[in-house]
Amino acid sequence: MVVNLIQEFPEINIKKQEPLSKYTFTHTGGEADWLAFPENVEQVQQLVKFVKKNDMPLTVIGNASNLIVRDGGIAGLVVIVTGMNQIKVEGNNVMAQAGATYIKTTQVARDHSLTGLEFAAGIPGSIGGAVFMNAGAYGGETKFAVKSATIMLPTGEIKELTNEELDFGYRHSSVQDNHGIVLEATFELKPGDKEKITAQMDELNARRAAKQPLELPSCGSVFKRPTGYFAGKLIHDAGLQGYTSGGAQVSKKHAGFIVNIDNGTATDYLNVIHHVQKVVKDKFGVSLETEVRIIGRD
C-alpha cells in the first residue's frame, strides 16, 4: 500500500525524502522517508496511531543535539517535536513541553527566581531528549529536578510517570525501555535569589565556552563516563586529539567531542568513534560506550 502522509494529514507540516542533515547539530545524516512537525499532543497521537495501524516505523527526535543519523537516513516516519515548545510556571513548578529547549527552560526558571536547573543552563537538547536520556552536566542531572513527565506509549495511550516511575539512571530513563514519547515534563524547583541563579548560570556557560568546541558542529559529549575514568582524558592520553577521518575530527579543544570540520558525513563520525574505541581499548583496556544516540540505516 502506497501511503502519502501529506495527503493523510494536510493540517500537519510534513515533508517527504527530507535530508536530516538540515536538523542535526552535526550537520550530517541521510533522508527521512517522511518527516513531520506536529504542534500539539493531538497531532502526535494521530501520527502514532496511524503508523501503528499501517505498520510503519516511527522515530521521534527532539533538538537532534546528542544524535547521529546514519547516512542511509531513516525508514518510515520521523517526528520532530520542536514545534511543541510551550513553557509555563505555576508556583515552584515549571512545566515544559518536549520540544522546548533545556536552555530556554532554565532561563524561564531563572526569570521566576527558581533554583534547581542551573546545571542545565548550557545543555543544547530538548526537554524530551533530556528526560529520555537523563541529561546532565556539572554535577547535576535531570532526575534531581523532574517531578513527573507525561509520555505517550506506542499504542497512543498517554500516561503520567512520577520521578520514581521514570527510573532514572546514568543517561537512562524508563522511557527508553517502554519506547514512549515524552510530551511534557514538570520540574519541581525552589525559590532562590535571581542574581545568584544568574551568576551561577553565567559561570557554567563561561566554563562550557572555554572548554568545549561550541564554534563547530558536533553531537556534544560522544562517550559515557567509564567507571573510574574520564572519557576525554583517556582519549587525550591515547594521543587521539586531532585524529581525523574524512571531515570528522576528535576536537583539539576537548577530546570528548567529535567536530565536523569539513563537510563530514555520519560515516566519518562513526569511523572516528570506532577508531577511538579501539585505540583506548588497546592502550588502557577500557571500553568506551557511546552516549550519543546513533540511529538510521547504514
C-alpha atoms as a PDB file:
ATOM      1  CA  MET A   1       0.000   0.000   0.000  1.00  0.00           C
ATOM      2  CA  VAL A   2       1.391   3.384  -1.027  1.00  0.00           C
ATOM      3  CA  VAL A   3       0.828   5.930   1.716  1.00  0.00           C
ATOM      4  CA  ASN A   4       1.000   9.687   1.174  1.00  0.00           C
ATOM      5  CA  LEU A   5       1.270  11.255   4.619  1.00  0.00           C
ATOM      6  CA  ILE A   6       0.997  14.775   3.214  1.00  0.00           C
ATOM      7  CA  GLN A   7      -2.471  13.921   1.895  1.00  0.00           C
ATOM      8  CA  GLU A   8      -3.392  11.966   5.045  1.00  0.00           C
ATOM      9  CA  PHE A   9      -2.543  14.858   7.378  1.00  0.00           C
ATOM     10  CA  PRO A  10      -2.971  18.158   5.494  1.00  0.00           C
ATOM     11  CA  GLU A  11      -3.015  20.113   8.761  1.00  0.00           C
ATOM     12  CA  ILE A  12       0.439  18.875   9.850  1.00  0.00           C
ATOM     13  CA  ASN A  13       3.697  20.161   8.321  1.00  0.00           C
ATOM     14  CA  ILE A  14       5.084  17.012   6.659  1.00  0.00           C
ATOM     15  CA  LYS A  15       7.981  16.672   4.214  1.00  0.00           C
ATOM     16  CA  LYS A  16       8.922  13.717   2.000  1.00  0.00           C
ATOM     17  CA  GLN A  17      12.517  12.472   1.487  1.00  0.00           C
ATOM     18  CA  GLU A  18      13.837  15.272   3.702  1.00  0.00           C
ATOM     19  CA  PRO A  19      17.596  15.397   4.494  1.00  0.00           C
ATOM     20  CA  LEU A  20      18.028  15.155   8.274  1.00  0.00           C
ATOM     21  CA  SER A  21      21.388  16.923   7.984  1.00  0.00           C
ATOM     22  CA  LYS A  22      19.317  20.136   7.976  1.00  0.00           C
ATOM     23  CA  TYR A  23      18.254  19.451  11.574  1.00  0.00           C
ATOM     24  CA  THR A  24      21.110  17.608  13.346  1.00  0.00           C
ATOM     25  CA  PHE A  25      23.754  19.505  15.306  1.00  0.00           C
ATOM     26  CA  THR A  26      26.465  17.570  13.413  1.00  0.00           C
ATOM     27  CA  HIS A  27      25.011  18.730  10.052  1.00  0.00           C
ATOM     28  CA  THR A  28      25.097  15.076   8.950  1.00  0.00           C
ATOM     29  CA  GLY A  29      22.517  12.383   8.276  1.00  0.00           C
ATOM     30  CA  GLY A  30      20.592  10.890   5.363  1.00  0.00           C
ATOM     31  CA  GLU A  31      16.970  11.449   4.387  1.00  0.00           C
ATOM     32  CA  ALA A  32      13.832  10.665   6.354  1.00  0.00           C
ATOM     33  CA  ASP A  33      11.250   8.872   4.226  1.00  0.00           C
ATOM     34  CA  TRP A  34       8.701  11.165   5.868  1.00  0.00           C
ATOM     35  CA  LEU A  35       9.356  13.987   8.346  1.00  0.00           C
ATOM     36  CA  ALA A  36       6.540  15.506  10.430  1.00  0.00           C
ATOM     37  CA  PHE A  37       6.463  18.571  12.687  1.00  0.00           C
ATOM     38  CA  PRO A  38       3.428  18.210  14.984  1.00  0.00           C
ATOM     39  CA  GLU A  39       2.439  21.242  17.033  1.00  0.00           C
ATOM     40  CA  ASN A  40       0.301  19.624  19.715  1.00  0.00           C
ATOM     41  CA  VAL A  41      -0.380  16.356  21.520  1.00  0.00           C
ATOM     42  CA  GLU A  42      -3.409  15.540  19.365  1.00  0.00           C
ATOM     43  CA  GLN A  43      -1.296  15.646  16.210  1.00  0.00           C
ATOM     44  CA  VAL A  44       1.344  13.385  17.778  1.00  0.00           C
ATOM     45  CA  GLN A  45      -1.392  10.947  18.786  1.00  0.00           C
ATOM     46  CA  GLN A  46      -2.852  10.932  15.258  1.00  0.00           C
ATOM     47  CA  LEU A  47       0.566  10.143  13.798  1.00  0.00           C
ATOM     48  CA  VAL A  48       1.355   7.440  16.382  1.00  0.00           C
ATOM     49  CA  LYS A  49      -1.963   5.681  15.804  1.00  0.00           C
ATOM     50  CA  PHE A  50      -1.549   5.924  12.027  1.00  0.00           C
ATOM     51  CA  VAL A  51       1.930   4.344  11.962  1.00  0.00           C
ATOM     52  CA  LYS A  52       0.801   1.602  14.336  1.00  0.00           C
ATOM     53  CA  LYS A  53      -2.202   0.795  12.138  1.00  0.00           C
ATOM     54  CA  ASN A  54      -0.075   0.831   8.968  1.00  0.00           C
ATOM     55  CA  ASP A  55       2.917  -0.992  10.492  1.00  0.00           C
ATOM     56  CA  MET A  56       5.239   1.895   9.658  1.00  0.00           C
ATOM     57  CA  PRO A  57       8.493   2.527  11.578  1.00  0.00           C
ATOM     58  CA  LEU A  58       8.415   5.605  13.839  1.00  0.00           C
ATOM     59  CA  THR A  59      11.357   7.645  15.128  1.00  0.00           C
ATOM     60  CA  VAL A  60      10.948  10.664  17.415  1.00  0.00           C
ATOM     61  CA  ILE A  61      13.601  13.371  17.582  1.00  0.00           C
ATOM     62  CA  GLY A  62      13.914  16.450  19.765  1.00  0.00           C
ATOM     63  CA  ASN A  63      16.583  19.084  19.143  1.00  0.00           C
ATOM     64  CA  ALA A  64      18.896  16.496  17.499  1.00  0.00           C
ATOM     65  CA  SER A  65      21.854  17.710  19.565  1.00  0.00           C
ATOM     66  CA  ASN A  66      23.144  14.412  21.012  1.00  0.00           C
ATOM     67  CA  LEU A  67      22.329  12.369  17.933  1.00  0.00           C
ATOM     68  CA  ILE A  68      24.000  10.824  14.887  1.00  0.00           C
ATOM     69  CA  VAL A  69      21.738   9.850  11.987  1.00  0.00           C
ATOM     70  CA  ARG A  70      23.473   7.391   9.665  1.00  0.00           C
ATOM     71  CA  ASP A  71      23.936   8.366   6.030  1.00  0.00           C
ATOM     72  CA  GLY A  72      21.284   5.887   4.886  1.00  0.00           C
ATOM     73  CA  GLY A  73      18.632   8.018   6.548  1.00  0.00           C
ATOM     74  CA  ILE A  74      15.619   6.734   8.477  1.00  0.00           C
ATOM     75  CA  ALA A  75      12.831   4.490   7.225  1.00  0.00           C
ATOM     76  CA  GLY A  76       9.170   5.305   7.802  1.00  0.00           C
ATOM     77  CA  LEU A  77       8.107   8.396   9.719  1.00  0.00           C
ATOM     78  CA  VAL A  78      10.392  10.713  11.674  1.00  0.00           C
ATOM     79  CA  VAL A  79       8.700  13.141  14.061  1.00  0.00           C
ATOM     80  CA  ILE A  80      10.478  16.287  15.251  1.00  0.00           C
ATOM     81  CA  VAL A  81       8.702  17.775  18.273  1.00  0.00           C
ATOM     82  CA  THR A  82      10.375  21.193  18.418  1.00  0.00           C
ATOM     83  CA  GLY A  83       7.041  22.840  17.486  1.00  0.00           C
ATOM     84  CA  MET A  84       5.695  21.758  20.891  1.00  0.00           C
ATOM     85  CA  ASN A  85       7.737  24.198  22.950  1.00  0.00           C
ATOM     86  CA  GLN A  86       5.478  25.922  25.470  1.00  0.00           C
ATOM     87  CA  ILE A  87       6.803  26.596  28.971  1.00  0.00           C
ATOM     88  CA  LYS A  88       4.654  27.719  31.887  1.00  0.00           C
ATOM     89  CA  VAL A  89       5.222  28.332  35.580  1.00  0.00           C
ATOM     90  CA  GLU A  90       2.868  27.534  38.454  1.00  0.00           C
ATOM     91  CA  GLY A  91       4.281  28.285  41.881  1.00  0.00           C
ATOM     92  CA  ASN A  92       7.593  26.427  42.171  1.00  0.00           C
ATOM     93  CA  ASN A  93       6.807  24.146  39.226  1.00  0.00           C
ATOM     94  CA  VAL A  94       7.990  24.731  35.672  1.00  0.00           C
ATOM     95  CA  MET A  95       6.086  22.757  33.010  1.00  0.00           C
ATOM     96  CA  ALA A  96       7.883  22.454  29.682  1.00  0.00           C
ATOM     97  CA  GLN A  97       6.703  20.681  26.549  1.00  0.00           C
ATOM     98  CA  ALA A  98       9.024  18.118  24.966  1.00  0.00           C
ATOM     99  CA  GLY A  99      10.190  20.406  22.160  1.00  0.00           C
ATOM    100  CA  ALA A 100      11.198  23.302  24.414  1.00  0.00           C
ATOM    101  CA  THR A 101      14.951  23.643  24.717  1.00  0.00           C
ATOM    102  CA  TYR A 102      16.591  22.937  28.058  1.00  0.00           C
ATOM    103  CA  ILE A 103      18.399  26.275  27.768  1.00  0.00           C
ATOM    104  CA  LYS A 104      15.150  28.243  27.381  1.00  0.00           C
ATOM    105  CA  THR A 105      13.575  26.289  30.258  1.00  0.00           C
ATOM    106  CA  THR A 106      16.463  27.209  32.586  1.00  0.00           C
ATOM    107  CA  GLN A 107      16.058  30.861  31.570  1.00  0.00           C
ATOM    108  CA  VAL A 108      12.338  30.812  32.394  1.00  0.00           C
ATOM    109  CA  ALA A 109      13.143  29.265  35.798  1.00  0.00           C
ATOM    110  CA  ARG A 110      15.765  31.975  36.409  1.00  0.00           C
ATOM    111  CA  ASP A 111      13.359  34.753  35.404  1.00  0.00           C
ATOM    112  CA  HIS A 112      10.922  33.438  38.049  1.00  0.00           C
ATOM    113  CA  SER A 113      13.716  33.237  40.676  1.00  0.00           C
ATOM    114  CA  LEU A 114      13.509  29.442  40.816  1.00  0.00           C
ATOM    115  CA  THR A 115      16.646  27.439  41.550  1.00  0.00           C
ATOM    116  CA  GLY A 116      17.496  23.841  40.673  1.00  0.00           C
ATOM    117  CA  LEU A 117      18.136  23.919  36.924  1.00  0.00           C
ATOM    118  CA  GLU A 118      21.326  25.993  36.825  1.00  0.00           C
ATOM    119  CA  PHE A 119      23.413  22.944  35.845  1.00  0.00           C
ATOM    120  CA  ALA A 120      21.453  22.705  32.568  1.00  0.00           C
ATOM    121  CA  ALA A 121      21.965  26.336  31.505  1.00  0.00           C
ATOM    122  CA  GLY A 122      24.068  25.330  28.511  1.00  0.00           C
ATOM    123  CA  ILE A 123      22.671  21.899  27.600  1.00  0.00           C
ATOM    124  CA  PRO A 124      21.511  22.328  23.988  1.00  0.00           C
ATOM    125  CA  GLY A 125      18.991  19.485  23.868  1.00  0.00           C
ATOM    126  CA  SER A 126      15.212  19.494  24.149  1.00  0.00           C
ATOM    127  CA  ILE A 127      13.234  18.689  27.288  1.00  0.00           C
ATOM    128  CA  GLY A 128      12.037  15.438  25.709  1.00  0.00           C
ATOM    129  CA  GLY A 129      15.598  14.365  24.994  1.00  0.00           C
ATOM    130  CA  ALA A 130      16.741  15.468  28.457  1.00  0.00           C
ATOM    131  CA  VAL A 131      14.135  13.288  30.178  1.00  0.00           C
ATOM    132  CA  PHE A 132      14.695  10.380  27.765  1.00  0.00           C
ATOM    133  CA  MET A 133      18.485  10.436  28.374  1.00  0.00           C
ATOM    134  CA  ASN A 134      18.548  11.866  31.925  1.00  0.00           C
ATOM    135  CA  ALA A 135      20.789  14.622  30.593  1.00  0.00           C
ATOM    136  CA  GLY A 136      23.271  16.132  32.994  1.00  0.00           C
ATOM    137  CA  ALA A 137      26.249  18.448  33.369  1.00  0.00           C
ATOM    138  CA  TYR A 138      28.466  19.905  36.079  1.00  0.00           C
ATOM    139  CA  GLY A 139      27.301  17.500  38.762  1.00  0.00           C
ATOM    140  CA  GLY A 140      23.586  17.998  38.053  1.00  0.00           C
ATOM    141  CA  GLU A 141      21.193  15.559  36.432  1.00  0.00           C
ATOM    142  CA  THR A 142      17.668  15.902  35.088  1.00  0.00           C
ATOM    143  CA  LYS A 143      16.431  13.339  37.629  1.00  0.00           C
ATOM    144  CA  PHE A 144      17.185  15.728  40.507  1.00  0.00           C
ATOM    145  CA  ALA A 145      14.647  18.277  39.261  1.00  0.00           C
ATOM    146  CA  VAL A 146      11.903  16.340  37.451  1.00  0.00           C
ATOM    147  CA  LYS A 147       8.716  15.784  39.422  1.00  0.00           C
ATOM    148  CA  SER A 148       6.864  13.942  36.648  1.00  0.00           C
ATOM    149  CA  ALA A 149       6.652  13.527  32.889  1.00  0.00           C
ATOM    150  CA  THR A 150       3.738  12.968  30.536  1.00  0.00           C
ATOM    151  CA  ILE A 151       4.547  10.356  27.916  1.00  0.00           C
ATOM    152  CA  MET A 152       2.757   8.659  25.039  1.00  0.00           C
ATOM    153  CA  LEU A 153       3.122   4.907  24.650  1.00  0.00           C
ATOM    154  CA  PRO A 154       3.453   3.260  21.197  1.00  0.00           C
ATOM    155  CA  THR A 155      -0.295   2.477  21.383  1.00  0.00           C
ATOM    156  CA  GLY A 156      -1.150   6.181  21.598  1.00  0.00           C
ATOM    157  CA  GLU A 157      -2.078   5.919  25.282  1.00  0.00           C
ATOM    158  CA  ILE A 158      -0.979   8.893  27.394  1.00  0.00           C
ATOM    159  CA  LYS A 159       0.429   8.331  30.895  1.00  0.00           C
ATOM    160  CA  GLU A 160       1.922  10.499  33.579  1.00  0.00           C
ATOM    161  CA  LEU A 161       5.005   8.979  35.188  1.00  0.00           C
ATOM    162  CA  THR A 162       6.397  10.076  38.551  1.00  0.00           C
ATOM    163  CA  ASN A 163      10.106  10.629  39.090  1.00  0.00           C
ATOM    164  CA  GLU A 164      10.267   7.145  40.623  1.00  0.00           C
ATOM    165  CA  GLU A 165       8.471   5.549  37.666  1.00  0.00           C
ATOM    166  CA  LEU A 166      10.878   7.268  35.265  1.00  0.00           C
ATOM    167  CA  ASP A 167      13.577   5.052  36.845  1.00  0.00           C
ATOM    168  CA  PHE A 168      16.395   7.465  36.042  1.00  0.00           C
ATOM    169  CA  GLY A 169      19.940   6.149  35.780  1.00  0.00           C
ATOM    170  CA  TYR A 170      23.133   7.315  34.105  1.00  0.00           C
ATOM    171  CA  ARG A 171      21.935   8.551  30.686  1.00  0.00           C
ATOM    172  CA  HIS A 172      18.875   6.333  31.108  1.00  0.00           C
ATOM    173  CA  SER A 173      15.157   6.538  31.860  1.00  0.00           C
ATOM    174  CA  SER A 174      12.270   4.077  31.678  1.00  0.00           C
ATOM    175  CA  VAL A 175      11.047   5.956  28.577  1.00  0.00           C
ATOM    176  CA  GLN A 176      13.838   4.180  26.688  1.00  0.00           C
ATOM    177  CA  ASP A 177      12.513   0.802  27.857  1.00  0.00           C
ATOM    178  CA  ASN A 178       8.821   1.366  27.117  1.00  0.00           C
ATOM    179  CA  HIS A 179       9.542   3.105  23.773  1.00  0.00           C
ATOM    180  CA  GLY A 180       7.474   6.074  24.874  1.00  0.00           C
ATOM    181  CA  ILE A 181       7.452   9.626  23.575  1.00  0.00           C
ATOM    182  CA  VAL A 182       7.975  12.403  26.124  1.00  0.00           C
ATOM    183  CA  LEU A 183       5.267  15.055  25.723  1.00  0.00           C
ATOM    184  CA  GLU A 184       5.923  17.298  28.733  1.00  0.00           C
ATOM    185  CA  ALA A 185       7.923  17.406  31.947  1.00  0.00           C
ATOM    186  CA  THR A 186       7.220  19.132  35.257  1.00  0.00           C
ATOM    187  CA  PHE A 187      10.234  20.388  37.191  1.00  0.00           C
ATOM    188  CA  GLU A 188       9.821  20.955  40.934  1.00  0.00           C
ATOM    189  CA  LEU A 189      12.168  23.784  41.876  1.00  0.00           C
ATOM    190  CA  LYS A 190      12.801  26.015  44.892  1.00  0.00           C
ATOM    191  CA  PRO A 191      12.594  29.777  45.351  1.00  0.00           C
ATOM    192  CA  GLY A 192      16.028  31.341  45.007  1.00  0.00           C
ATOM    193  CA  ASP A 193      17.915  34.576  44.545  1.00  0.00           C
ATOM    194  CA  LYS A 194      17.693  35.625  40.890  1.00  0.00           C
ATOM    195  CA  GLU A 195      21.119  37.311  40.940  1.00  0.00           C
ATOM    196  CA  LYS A 196      22.806  34.216  42.402  1.00  0.00           C
ATOM    197  CA  ILE A 197      20.997  31.940  39.917  1.00  0.00           C
ATOM    198  CA  THR A 198      22.084  34.174  37.031  1.00  0.00           C
ATOM    199  CA  ALA A 199      25.688  34.295  38.274  1.00  0.00           C
ATOM    200  CA  GLN A 200      25.875  30.502  38.519  1.00  0.00           C
ATOM    201  CA  MET A 201      24.399  30.038  35.040  1.00  0.00           C
ATOM    202  CA  ASP A 202      26.808  32.605  33.595  1.00  0.00           C
ATOM    203  CA  GLU A 203      29.762  30.903  35.276  1.00  0.00           C
ATOM    204  CA  LEU A 204      28.823  27.452  33.943  1.00  0.00           C
ATOM    205  CA  ASN A 205      28.258  28.826  30.452  1.00  0.00           C
ATOM    206  CA  ALA A 206      31.658  30.542  30.542  1.00  0.00           C
ATOM    207  CA  ARG A 207      33.296  27.263  31.619  1.00  0.00           C
ATOM    208  CA  ARG A 208      31.497  25.443  28.821  1.00  0.00           C
ATOM    209  CA  ALA A 209      32.572  28.003  26.208  1.00  0.00           C
ATOM    210  CA  ALA A 210      36.194  27.901  27.410  1.00  0.00           C
ATOM    211  CA  LYS A 211      36.480  24.105  27.293  1.00  0.00           C
ATOM    212  CA  GLN A 212      34.098  22.902  24.589  1.00  0.00           C
ATOM    213  CA  PRO A 213      34.283  23.396  20.805  1.00  0.00           C
ATOM    214  CA  LEU A 214      30.989  25.269  20.580  1.00  0.00           C
ATOM    215  CA  GLU A 215      32.147  27.070  17.438  1.00  0.00           C
ATOM    216  CA  LEU A 216      31.989  23.862  15.337  1.00  0.00           C
ATOM    217  CA  PRO A 217      29.151  21.403  14.593  1.00  0.00           C
ATOM    218  CA  SER A 218      29.227  18.444  16.997  1.00  0.00           C
ATOM    219  CA  CYS A 219      26.944  15.935  18.698  1.00  0.00           C
ATOM    220  CA  GLY A 220      28.033  17.023  22.152  1.00  0.00           C
ATOM    221  CA  SER A 221      29.652  14.556  24.522  1.00  0.00           C
ATOM    222  CA  VAL A 222      30.190  11.364  22.485  1.00  0.00           C
ATOM    223  CA  PHE A 223      31.057   8.778  25.141  1.00  0.00           C
ATOM    224  CA  LYS A 224      29.662   7.820  28.508  1.00  0.00           C
ATOM    225  CA  ARG A 225      31.955   8.237  31.501  1.00  0.00           C
ATOM    226  CA  PRO A 226      33.593   4.848  32.187  1.00  0.00           C
ATOM    227  CA  THR A 227      33.661   3.844  35.855  1.00  0.00           C
ATOM    228  CA  GLY A 228      36.782   5.270  37.450  1.00  0.00           C
ATOM    229  CA  TYR A 229      37.847   7.260  34.377  1.00  0.00           C
ATOM    230  CA  PHE A 230      37.022  10.289  32.252  1.00  0.00           C
ATOM    231  CA  ALA A 231      36.458   9.548  28.571  1.00  0.00           C
ATOM    232  CA  GLY A 232      38.058  12.804  27.426  1.00  0.00           C
ATOM    233  CA  LYS A 233      41.240  12.190  29.444  1.00  0.00           C
ATOM    234  CA  LEU A 234      41.589   8.634  28.105  1.00  0.00           C
ATOM    235  CA  ILE A 235      41.213   9.904  24.527  1.00  0.00           C
ATOM    236  CA  HIS A 236      43.698  12.714  25.184  1.00  0.00           C
ATOM    237  CA  ASP A 237      46.192  10.349  26.828  1.00  0.00           C
ATOM    238  CA  ALA A 238      45.875   7.981  23.864  1.00  0.00           C
ATOM    239  CA  GLY A 239      47.144  10.796  21.629  1.00  0.00           C
ATOM    240  CA  LEU A 240      43.936  10.935  19.639  1.00  0.00           C
ATOM    241  CA  GLN A 241      43.167  14.649  19.742  1.00  0.00           C
ATOM    242  CA  GLY A 242      43.107  15.889  16.177  1.00  0.00           C
ATOM    243  CA  TYR A 243      42.549  12.389  14.752  1.00  0.00           C
ATOM    244  CA  THR A 244      40.539  12.899  11.549  1.00  0.00           C
ATOM    245  CA  SER A 245      38.519  10.709   9.214  1.00  0.00           C
ATOM    246  CA  GLY A 246      37.014  12.499   6.229  1.00  0.00           C
ATOM    247  CA  GLY A 247      35.500  15.679   7.629  1.00  0.00           C
ATOM    248  CA  ALA A 248      35.097  14.494  11.255  1.00  0.00           C
ATOM    249  CA  GLN A 249      37.774  15.120  13.867  1.00  0.00           C
ATOM    250  CA  VAL A 250      38.426  14.458  17.541  1.00  0.00           C
ATOM    251  CA  SER A 251      38.273  18.024  18.837  1.00  0.00           C
ATOM    252  CA  LYS A 252      41.632  19.642  19.581  1.00  0.00           C
ATOM    253  CA  LYS A 253      39.863  21.711  22.245  1.00  0.00           C
ATOM    254  CA  HIS A 254      38.098  18.879  24.132  1.00  0.00           C
ATOM    255  CA  ALA A 255      38.909  15.226  23.435  1.00  0.00           C
ATOM    256  CA  GLY A 256      35.404  14.092  24.430  1.00  0.00           C
ATOM    257  CA  PHE A 257      33.911  15.827  21.377  1.00  0.00           C
ATOM    258  CA  ILE A 258      33.978  14.982  17.674  1.00  0.00           C
ATOM    259  CA  VAL A 259      33.549  18.005  15.412  1.00  0.00           C
ATOM    260  CA  ASN A 260      32.572  18.450  11.781  1.00  0.00           C
ATOM    261  CA  ILE A 261      35.496  20.373  10.273  1.00  0.00           C
ATOM    262  CA  ASP A 262      34.880  19.918   6.553  1.00  0.00           C
ATOM    263  CA  ASN A 263      31.522  18.636   5.268  1.00  0.00           C
ATOM    264  CA  GLY A 264      31.840  15.477   7.336  1.00  0.00           C
ATOM    265  CA  THR A 265      29.349  12.640   6.978  1.00  0.00           C
ATOM    266  CA  ALA A 266      27.797  10.389   9.598  1.00  0.00           C
ATOM    267  CA  THR A 267      30.082   7.635   8.300  1.00  0.00           C
ATOM    268  CA  ASP A 268      33.089   9.870   9.040  1.00  0.00           C
ATOM    269  CA  TYR A 269      31.767  10.319  12.585  1.00  0.00           C
ATOM    270  CA  LEU A 270      31.280   6.581  13.059  1.00  0.00           C
ATOM    271  CA  ASN A 271      34.766   5.859  11.692  1.00  0.00           C
ATOM    272  CA  VAL A 272      36.265   8.257  14.257  1.00  0.00           C
ATOM    273  CA  ILE A 273      34.178   6.736  17.062  1.00  0.00           C
ATOM    274  CA  HIS A 274      35.235   3.169  16.197  1.00  0.00           C
ATOM    275  CA  HIS A 275      38.904   4.166  15.910  1.00  0.00           C
ATOM    276  CA  VAL A 276      38.828   5.945  19.283  1.00  0.00           C
ATOM    277  CA  GLN A 277      37.134   2.937  20.924  1.00  0.00           C
ATOM    278  CA  LYS A 278      39.726   0.532  19.501  1.00  0.00           C
ATOM    279  CA  VAL A 279      42.784   2.602  20.466  1.00  0.00           C
ATOM    280  CA  VAL A 280      41.533   3.324  24.007  1.00  0.00           C
ATOM    281  CA  LYS A 281      40.696  -0.361  24.494  1.00  0.00           C
ATOM    282  CA  ASP A 282      44.120  -1.446  23.191  1.00  0.00           C
ATOM    283  CA  LYS A 283      46.066   1.102  25.257  1.00  0.00           C
ATOM    284  CA  PHE A 284      44.137   1.163  28.526  1.00  0.00           C
ATOM    285  CA  GLY A 285      41.829  -1.860  28.458  1.00  0.00           C
ATOM    286  CA  VAL A 286      38.799   0.418  28.866  1.00  0.00           C
ATOM    287  CA  SER A 287      35.697   0.007  26.700  1.00  0.00           C
ATOM    288  CA  LEU A 288      34.159   3.348  25.764  1.00  0.00           C
ATOM    289  CA  GLU A 289      30.383   3.222  25.308  1.00  0.00           C
ATOM    290  CA  THR A 290      28.673   5.876  23.222  1.00  0.00           C
ATOM    291  CA  GLU A 291      26.440   8.365  24.979  1.00  0.00           C
ATOM    292  CA  VAL A 292      25.298   9.871  21.679  1.00  0.00           C
ATOM    293  CA  ARG A 293      22.288   8.108  20.114  1.00  0.00           C
ATOM    294  CA  ILE A 294      23.149   6.542  16.762  1.00  0.00           C
ATOM    295  CA  ILE A 295      20.119   5.753  14.601  1.00  0.00           C
ATOM    296  CA  GLY A 296      19.122   5.102  10.997  1.00  0.00           C
ATOM    297  CA  ARG A 297      20.128   2.927   8.055  1.00  0.00           C
ATOM    298  CA  ASP A 298      23.739   2.279   7.033  1.00  0.00           C
END
